[in-house]
Amino acid sequence: MDVKVINSFLVAAYDVLGKELGISAEKGRIGSHQDFFNVSDFTIRIAIKGENEGFIWYTMTEKTALAIASKMMDSPVTVMDAMAESALAELGNMISGLAATQLGNASIACTLESPIVMKGKRACMLGDATALAIPLTTPLGHLDIKVCLARVRQNA
């Protein structure tokens, strides 16, 4: 996977978390998953289409999800209801949208599909693909960004 792709998501996450939530994030060691990976209590999945296609997953514990939703809504959130889910889906949209813009600026065109919110621990199957995991630690909890994109071959 092109380093520009990973960097665009990392820079976008730092920017959105800083500007929208007023928090910093510290990157942990980037890892990789083949075949499948497990997600935590709350996950936002966004499909990417274009020169690179695949999925981005933003995964976190329920505690982290409630803390982030509370910060985004500027009000305590104690239950993961439709409004809280919408706020978190929007966080995924903002990070992915900024990353897609940065990729476009680097001449890597892509479009985003609407986020899908998933609740509950589960495994995500990758098939033949590899996902890179970007762990972020914030004052609100731990957020993992899993990037699974492959360059689509262009017809000559």
C-alpha atoms as a PDB file:
ATOM      1  CA  MET A   1       0.000   0.000   0.000  1.00  0.00           C
ATOM      2  CA  ASP A   2       1.318   3.430  -0.966  1.00  0.00           C
ATOM      3  CA  VAL A   3       2.696   5.391   2.005  1.00  0.00           C
ATOM      4  CA  LYS A   4       0.769   8.451   0.714  1.00  0.00           C
ATOM      5  CA  VAL A   5      -2.466   6.597   1.462  1.00  0.00           C
ATOM      6  CA  ILE A   6      -1.535   5.793   5.059  1.00  0.00           C
ATOM      7  CA  ASN A   7      -0.127   9.268   5.684  1.00  0.00           C
ATOM      8  CA  SER A   8      -3.268  10.913   4.322  1.00  0.00           C
ATOM      9  CA  PHE A   9      -5.439   9.070   6.880  1.00  0.00           C
ATOM     10  CA  LEU A  10      -3.011   9.722   9.721  1.00  0.00           C
ATOM     11  CA  VAL A  11      -2.705  13.453   8.963  1.00  0.00           C
ATOM     12  CA  ALA A  12      -6.485  13.724   8.473  1.00  0.00           C
ATOM     13  CA  ALA A  13      -7.140  12.016  11.834  1.00  0.00           C
ATOM     14  CA  TYR A  14      -4.730  14.358  13.646  1.00  0.00           C
ATOM     15  CA  ASP A  15      -6.320  17.369  11.963  1.00  0.00           C
ATOM     16  CA  VAL A  16      -9.970  16.414  12.566  1.00  0.00           C
ATOM     17  CA  LEU A  17      -9.418  15.273  16.162  1.00  0.00           C
ATOM     18  CA  GLY A  18      -7.536  18.488  16.897  1.00  0.00           C
ATOM     19  CA  LYS A  19      -9.863  20.951  15.176  1.00  0.00           C
ATOM     20  CA  GLU A  20     -13.242  19.320  15.778  1.00  0.00           C
ATOM     21  CA  LEU A  21     -12.711  17.765  19.209  1.00  0.00           C
ATOM     22  CA  GLY A  22      -9.836  19.832  20.562  1.00  0.00           C
ATOM     23  CA  ILE A  23      -7.793  16.737  21.432  1.00  0.00           C
ATOM     24  CA  SER A  24      -4.435  15.374  20.430  1.00  0.00           C
ATOM     25  CA  ALA A  25      -3.648  11.841  19.353  1.00  0.00           C
ATOM     26  CA  GLU A  26      -0.526   9.769  19.689  1.00  0.00           C
ATOM     27  CA  LYS A  27       0.185   7.149  17.044  1.00  0.00           C
ATOM     28  CA  GLY A  28       1.167   3.689  18.179  1.00  0.00           C
ATOM     29  CA  ARG A  29       3.036   1.119  16.134  1.00  0.00           C
ATOM     30  CA  ILE A  30       1.422   0.546  12.739  1.00  0.00           C
ATOM     31  CA  GLY A  31       0.636  -3.122  12.214  1.00  0.00           C
ATOM     32  CA  SER A  32      -0.927  -5.277   9.540  1.00  0.00           C
ATOM     33  CA  HIS A  33      -3.677  -7.869   9.358  1.00  0.00           C
ATOM     34  CA  GLN A  34      -4.065 -10.578   6.742  1.00  0.00           C
ATOM     35  CA  ASP A  35      -7.163 -12.693   6.175  1.00  0.00           C
ATOM     36  CA  PHE A  36      -9.199 -11.123   9.023  1.00  0.00           C
ATOM     37  CA  PHE A  37      -9.087  -8.847  12.062  1.00  0.00           C
ATOM     38  CA  ASN A  38     -11.279  -8.340  15.094  1.00  0.00           C
ATOM     39  CA  VAL A  39     -13.104  -5.092  15.728  1.00  0.00           C
ATOM     40  CA  SER A  40     -14.126  -3.641  19.041  1.00  0.00           C
ATOM     41  CA  ASP A  41     -17.524  -2.589  20.421  1.00  0.00           C
ATOM     42  CA  PHE A  42     -18.196   0.169  17.912  1.00  0.00           C
ATOM     43  CA  THR A  43     -17.024   0.444  14.293  1.00  0.00           C
ATOM     44  CA  ILE A  44     -17.624   2.847  11.427  1.00  0.00           C
ATOM     45  CA  ARG A  45     -16.911   1.337   8.005  1.00  0.00           C
ATOM     46  CA  ILE A  46     -16.519   3.494   4.911  1.00  0.00           C
ATOM     47  CA  ALA A  47     -16.073   2.083   1.415  1.00  0.00           C
ATOM     48  CA  ILE A  48     -13.616   3.799  -0.930  1.00  0.00           C
ATOM     49  CA  LYS A  49     -13.903   3.645  -4.720  1.00  0.00           C
ATOM     50  CA  GLY A  50     -11.604   4.973  -7.435  1.00  0.00           C
ATOM     51  CA  GLU A  51      -7.921   4.401  -8.193  1.00  0.00           C
ATOM     52  CA  ASN A  52      -7.705   2.728  -4.764  1.00  0.00           C
ATOM     53  CA  GLU A  53     -10.639   0.622  -3.614  1.00  0.00           C
ATOM     54  CA  GLY A  54     -11.452  -1.024  -0.333  1.00  0.00           C
ATOM     55  CA  PHE A  55     -12.586  -0.079   3.137  1.00  0.00           C
ATOM     56  CA  ILE A  56     -11.619   2.069   6.080  1.00  0.00           C
ATOM     57  CA  TRP A  57     -12.689   0.970   9.562  1.00  0.00           C
ATOM     58  CA  TYR A  58     -12.680   3.240  12.603  1.00  0.00           C
ATOM     59  CA  THR A  59     -13.016   0.959  15.622  1.00  0.00           C
ATOM     60  CA  MET A  60     -13.202   1.716  19.342  1.00  0.00           C
ATOM     61  CA  THR A  61     -14.574   0.493  22.650  1.00  0.00           C
ATOM     62  CA  GLU A  62     -18.016   1.594  23.781  1.00  0.00           C
ATOM     63  CA  LYS A  63     -16.395   3.756  26.468  1.00  0.00           C
ATOM     64  CA  THR A  64     -14.322   5.588  23.851  1.00  0.00           C
ATOM     65  CA  ALA A  65     -17.326   5.876  21.513  1.00  0.00           C
ATOM     66  CA  LEU A  66     -19.445   7.443  24.271  1.00  0.00           C
ATOM     67  CA  ALA A  67     -16.634   9.855  25.203  1.00  0.00           C
ATOM     68  CA  ILE A  68     -16.110  10.951  21.583  1.00  0.00           C
ATOM     69  CA  ALA A  69     -19.857  11.302  20.958  1.00  0.00           C
ATOM     70  CA  SER A  70     -20.171  13.378  24.148  1.00  0.00           C
ATOM     71  CA  LYS A  71     -17.395  15.681  22.992  1.00  0.00           C
ATOM     72  CA  MET A  72     -18.851  16.003  19.479  1.00  0.00           C
ATOM     73  CA  MET A  73     -22.359  16.705  20.776  1.00  0.00           C
ATOM     74  CA  ASP A  74     -21.105  18.948  23.617  1.00  0.00           C
ATOM     75  CA  SER A  75     -23.383  17.032  25.967  1.00  0.00           C
ATOM     76  CA  PRO A  76     -22.984  13.881  28.077  1.00  0.00           C
ATOM     77  CA  VAL A  77     -23.846  10.716  26.138  1.00  0.00           C
ATOM     78  CA  THR A  78     -24.467   7.630  28.263  1.00  0.00           C
ATOM     79  CA  VAL A  79     -26.253   5.424  25.722  1.00  0.00           C
ATOM     80  CA  MET A  80     -25.223   4.737  22.145  1.00  0.00           C
ATOM     81  CA  ASP A  81     -28.439   5.941  20.500  1.00  0.00           C
ATOM     82  CA  ALA A  82     -29.098   7.063  16.917  1.00  0.00           C
ATOM     83  CA  MET A  83     -27.808  10.615  17.561  1.00  0.00           C
ATOM     84  CA  ALA A  84     -24.557   9.339  19.079  1.00  0.00           C
ATOM     85  CA  GLU A  85     -24.094   6.886  16.192  1.00  0.00           C
ATOM     86  CA  SER A  86     -24.681   9.710  13.724  1.00  0.00           C
ATOM     87  CA  ALA A  87     -22.055  11.871  15.428  1.00  0.00           C
ATOM     88  CA  LEU A  88     -19.491   9.073  15.246  1.00  0.00           C
ATOM     89  CA  ALA A  89     -20.358   8.292  11.630  1.00  0.00           C
ATOM     90  CA  GLU A  90     -19.757  11.970  10.891  1.00  0.00           C
ATOM     91  CA  LEU A  91     -16.338  11.751  12.546  1.00  0.00           C
ATOM     92  CA  GLY A  92     -15.488   8.912  10.146  1.00  0.00           C
ATOM     93  CA  ASN A  93     -16.810  10.994   7.253  1.00  0.00           C
ATOM     94  CA  MET A  94     -14.705  14.007   8.244  1.00  0.00           C
ATOM     95  CA  ILE A  95     -11.476  12.037   8.583  1.00  0.00           C
ATOM     96  CA  SER A  96     -12.096  10.028   5.403  1.00  0.00           C
ATOM     97  CA  GLY A  97     -13.204  13.110   3.463  1.00  0.00           C
ATOM     98  CA  LEU A  98     -10.090  15.046   4.393  1.00  0.00           C
ATOM     99  CA  ALA A  99      -7.913  12.035   3.558  1.00  0.00           C
ATOM    100  CA  ALA A 100      -9.669  11.666   0.176  1.00  0.00           C
ATOM    101  CA  THR A 101      -9.017  15.360  -0.536  1.00  0.00           C
ATOM    102  CA  GLN A 102      -5.338  14.930   0.309  1.00  0.00           C
ATOM    103  CA  LEU A 103      -5.154  11.868  -1.927  1.00  0.00           C
ATOM    104  CA  GLY A 104      -6.790  13.839  -4.736  1.00  0.00           C
ATOM    105  CA  ASN A 105      -4.168  16.552  -4.276  1.00  0.00           C
ATOM    106  CA  ALA A 106      -1.550  13.809  -4.744  1.00  0.00           C
ATOM    107  CA  SER A 107      -3.295  12.735  -7.986  1.00  0.00           C
ATOM    108  CA  ILE A 108      -4.874   9.642  -6.407  1.00  0.00           C
ATOM    109  CA  ALA A 109      -8.586   9.947  -7.148  1.00  0.00           C
ATOM    110  CA  CYS A 110     -11.158   8.289  -4.902  1.00  0.00           C
ATOM    111  CA  THR A 111     -14.735   8.693  -3.753  1.00  0.00           C
ATOM    112  CA  LEU A 112     -16.366   7.749  -0.464  1.00  0.00           C
ATOM    113  CA  GLU A 113     -19.560   5.856   0.165  1.00  0.00           C
ATOM    114  CA  SER A 114     -21.812   6.514   3.150  1.00  0.00           C
ATOM    115  CA  PRO A 115     -20.600   5.152   6.470  1.00  0.00           C
ATOM    116  CA  ILE A 116     -22.015   1.968   7.944  1.00  0.00           C
ATOM    117  CA  VAL A 117     -22.195   1.780  11.721  1.00  0.00           C
ATOM    118  CA  MET A 118     -21.542  -1.627  13.290  1.00  0.00           C
ATOM    119  CA  LYS A 119     -22.031  -2.421  16.967  1.00  0.00           C
ATOM    120  CA  GLY A 120     -20.605  -5.431  18.751  1.00  0.00           C
ATOM    121  CA  LYS A 121     -17.353  -7.328  18.619  1.00  0.00           C
ATOM    122  CA  ARG A 122     -16.844  -9.294  15.418  1.00  0.00           C
ATOM    123  CA  ALA A 123     -14.280 -10.385  12.887  1.00  0.00           C
ATOM    124  CA  CYS A 124     -13.919  -8.635   9.532  1.00  0.00           C
ATOM    125  CA  MET A 125     -12.798 -10.859   6.682  1.00  0.00           C
ATOM    126  CA  LEU A 126     -10.254  -9.477   4.228  1.00  0.00           C
ATOM    127  CA  GLY A 127     -10.005 -12.233   1.621  1.00  0.00           C
ATOM    128  CA  ASP A 128      -6.698 -11.803  -0.198  1.00  0.00           C
ATOM    129  CA  ALA A 129      -6.213  -8.244   1.046  1.00  0.00           C
ATOM    130  CA  THR A 130      -4.076  -6.818   3.846  1.00  0.00           C
ATOM    131  CA  ALA A 131      -5.276  -4.138   6.240  1.00  0.00           C
ATOM    132  CA  LEU A 132      -2.886  -1.740   7.912  1.00  0.00           C
ATOM    133  CA  ALA A 133      -3.820  -0.775  11.463  1.00  0.00           C
ATOM    134  CA  ILE A 134      -3.070   2.719  12.738  1.00  0.00           C
ATOM    135  CA  PRO A 135      -3.592   2.779  16.516  1.00  0.00           C
ATOM    136  CA  LEU A 136      -4.246   6.195  18.045  1.00  0.00           C
ATOM    137  CA  THR A 137      -4.345   6.998  21.735  1.00  0.00           C
ATOM    138  CA  THR A 138      -6.330  10.102  22.700  1.00  0.00           C
ATOM    139  CA  PRO A 139      -7.443  11.607  26.014  1.00  0.00           C
ATOM    140  CA  LEU A 140     -10.900  10.150  25.220  1.00  0.00           C
ATOM    141  CA  GLY A 141      -9.633   6.602  24.646  1.00  0.00           C
ATOM    142  CA  HIS A 142      -8.123   4.378  22.004  1.00  0.00           C
ATOM    143  CA  LEU A 143      -9.133   4.601  18.323  1.00  0.00           C
ATOM    144  CA  ASP A 144      -7.929   2.159  15.664  1.00  0.00           C
ATOM    145  CA  ILE A 145      -7.999   3.094  12.001  1.00  0.00           C
ATOM    146  CA  LYS A 146      -7.789   0.056   9.729  1.00  0.00           C
ATOM    147  CA  VAL A 147      -6.979   0.851   6.098  1.00  0.00           C
ATOM    148  CA  CYS A 148      -7.556  -1.844   3.508  1.00  0.00           C
ATOM    149  CA  LEU A 149      -7.137  -0.359   0.044  1.00  0.00           C
ATOM    150  CA  ALA A 150      -5.730  -1.814  -3.141  1.00  0.00           C
ATOM    151  CA  ARG A 151      -4.767   0.053  -6.268  1.00  0.00           C
ATOM    152  CA  VAL A 152      -7.128  -0.805  -9.108  1.00  0.00           C
ATOM    153  CA  ARG A 153      -5.399  -1.722 -12.331  1.00  0.00           C
ATOM    154  CA  GLN A 154      -6.051   0.717 -15.138  1.00  0.00           C
ATOM    155  CA  ASN A 155      -6.879  -0.635 -18.600  1.00  0.00           C
ATOM    156  CA  ALA A 156      -4.349   0.422 -21.224  1.00  0.00           C
END
